[in-house]
Amino acid sequence: MSSWTALDEFLTTDPMDVGCDRALEILHLYVDLLAAGEDVQGRYPGVTAHLAQCGPCNEDFQGLLAAVAADERPM
């Protein structure tokens, strides 16, 4: 892979990507639905697309998901 190809891939945005503001606005719902076994990719494809491309938002997502999983463990 050339450096130009890598740069093009980095700069390419999925047209379904909702962006950081919208993704973070509903991230808590996305995590709750995912934890409940719902089809979040089908329900919120733009958020799924965004989380696949945005490292900082994905880190927030992973943190919330870990918190929900920890909260659901029996004590």
C-alpha atoms as a PDB file:
ATOM      1  CA  MET A   1       0.000   0.000   0.000  1.00  0.00           C
ATOM      2  CA  SER A   2       1.425   3.374  -0.962  1.00  0.00           C
ATOM      3  CA  SER A   3       1.399   6.309   1.381  1.00  0.00           C
ATOM      4  CA  TRP A   4      -1.082   8.035  -0.961  1.00  0.00           C
ATOM      5  CA  THR A   5      -3.483   5.100  -0.711  1.00  0.00           C
ATOM      6  CA  ALA A   6      -3.234   5.156   3.068  1.00  0.00           C
ATOM      7  CA  LEU A   7      -3.826   8.913   3.102  1.00  0.00           C
ATOM      8  CA  ASP A   8      -6.833   8.568   0.803  1.00  0.00           C
ATOM      9  CA  GLU A   9      -8.324   5.888   3.057  1.00  0.00           C
ATOM     10  CA  PHE A  10      -7.725   8.054   6.109  1.00  0.00           C
ATOM     11  CA  LEU A  11      -9.401  11.065   4.515  1.00  0.00           C
ATOM     12  CA  THR A  12     -12.342   9.162   3.061  1.00  0.00           C
ATOM     13  CA  THR A  13     -15.509   9.495   5.089  1.00  0.00           C
ATOM     14  CA  ASP A  14     -18.316   6.984   4.882  1.00  0.00           C
ATOM     15  CA  PRO A  15     -21.343   8.895   3.537  1.00  0.00           C
ATOM     16  CA  MET A  16     -23.446   7.296   6.276  1.00  0.00           C
ATOM     17  CA  ASP A  17     -21.144   8.668   9.020  1.00  0.00           C
ATOM     18  CA  VAL A  18     -23.195  10.968  11.273  1.00  0.00           C
ATOM     19  CA  GLY A  19     -20.179  12.784  12.722  1.00  0.00           C
ATOM     20  CA  CYS A  20     -18.966  13.223  16.262  1.00  0.00           C
ATOM     21  CA  ASP A  21     -21.702  15.515  17.564  1.00  0.00           C
ATOM     22  CA  ARG A  22     -24.594  13.275  16.552  1.00  0.00           C
ATOM     23  CA  ALA A  23     -22.795  10.057  17.511  1.00  0.00           C
ATOM     24  CA  LEU A  24     -21.979  11.327  20.992  1.00  0.00           C
ATOM     25  CA  GLU A  25     -25.489  12.691  21.399  1.00  0.00           C
ATOM     26  CA  ILE A  26     -26.996   9.202  21.192  1.00  0.00           C
ATOM     27  CA  LEU A  27     -24.020   7.079  22.246  1.00  0.00           C
ATOM     28  CA  HIS A  28     -25.607   6.151  25.580  1.00  0.00           C
ATOM     29  CA  LEU A  29     -28.693   4.817  23.762  1.00  0.00           C
ATOM     30  CA  TYR A  30     -26.511   2.931  21.293  1.00  0.00           C
ATOM     31  CA  VAL A  31     -24.610   1.255  24.144  1.00  0.00           C
ATOM     32  CA  ASP A  32     -27.768   0.403  26.100  1.00  0.00           C
ATOM     33  CA  LEU A  33     -29.387  -1.149  23.025  1.00  0.00           C
ATOM     34  CA  LEU A  34     -26.237  -3.088  22.174  1.00  0.00           C
ATOM     35  CA  ALA A  35     -26.011  -4.405  25.741  1.00  0.00           C
ATOM     36  CA  ALA A  36     -29.660  -5.481  25.482  1.00  0.00           C
ATOM     37  CA  GLY A  37     -28.876  -7.490  22.348  1.00  0.00           C
ATOM     38  CA  GLU A  38     -30.569  -5.135  19.896  1.00  0.00           C
ATOM     39  CA  ASP A  39     -29.436  -4.668  16.285  1.00  0.00           C
ATOM     40  CA  VAL A  40     -27.709  -1.306  16.671  1.00  0.00           C
ATOM     41  CA  GLN A  41     -26.028  -1.565  13.264  1.00  0.00           C
ATOM     42  CA  GLY A  42     -29.425  -1.788  11.607  1.00  0.00           C
ATOM     43  CA  ARG A  43     -31.030   0.848  13.793  1.00  0.00           C
ATOM     44  CA  TYR A  44     -28.168   3.367  13.831  1.00  0.00           C
ATOM     45  CA  PRO A  45     -25.975   2.629  10.791  1.00  0.00           C
ATOM     46  CA  GLY A  46     -24.571   6.167  10.792  1.00  0.00           C
ATOM     47  CA  VAL A  47     -23.304   5.807  14.352  1.00  0.00           C
ATOM     48  CA  THR A  48     -21.836   2.396  13.535  1.00  0.00           C
ATOM     49  CA  ALA A  49     -20.062   3.913  10.530  1.00  0.00           C
ATOM     50  CA  HIS A  50     -18.765   6.772  12.644  1.00  0.00           C
ATOM     51  CA  LEU A  51     -17.439   4.547  15.418  1.00  0.00           C
ATOM     52  CA  ALA A  52     -15.554   2.501  12.824  1.00  0.00           C
ATOM     53  CA  GLN A  53     -13.729   5.632  11.614  1.00  0.00           C
ATOM     54  CA  CYS A  54     -13.334   7.890  14.655  1.00  0.00           C
ATOM     55  CA  GLY A  55     -10.822   6.721  17.235  1.00  0.00           C
ATOM     56  CA  PRO A  56     -11.793   9.166  20.008  1.00  0.00           C
ATOM     57  CA  CYS A  57     -15.525   8.414  19.708  1.00  0.00           C
ATOM     58  CA  ASN A  58     -14.775   4.702  19.590  1.00  0.00           C
ATOM     59  CA  GLU A  59     -12.778   5.048  22.810  1.00  0.00           C
ATOM     60  CA  ASP A  60     -15.793   6.706  24.463  1.00  0.00           C
ATOM     61  CA  PHE A  61     -17.990   3.909  23.120  1.00  0.00           C
ATOM     62  CA  GLN A  62     -15.658   1.207  24.463  1.00  0.00           C
ATOM     63  CA  GLY A  63     -15.553   2.908  27.856  1.00  0.00           C
ATOM     64  CA  LEU A  64     -19.339   3.148  28.110  1.00  0.00           C
ATOM     65  CA  LEU A  65     -19.717  -0.434  26.955  1.00  0.00           C
ATOM     66  CA  ALA A  66     -17.235  -1.601  29.610  1.00  0.00           C
ATOM     67  CA  ALA A  67     -19.075   0.385  32.284  1.00  0.00           C
ATOM     68  CA  VAL A  68     -22.420  -1.142  31.308  1.00  0.00           C
ATOM     69  CA  ALA A  69     -20.915  -4.635  31.247  1.00  0.00           C
ATOM     70  CA  ALA A  70     -19.368  -4.100  34.692  1.00  0.00           C
ATOM     71  CA  ASP A  71     -22.659  -2.766  36.031  1.00  0.00           C
ATOM     72  CA  GLU A  72     -24.508  -5.862  34.794  1.00  0.00           C
ATOM     73  CA  ARG A  73     -22.161  -8.340  36.521  1.00  0.00           C
ATOM     74  CA  PRO A  74     -23.617  -9.890  39.680  1.00  0.00           C
ATOM     75  CA  MET A  75     -21.967  -8.818  42.880  1.00  0.00           C
END
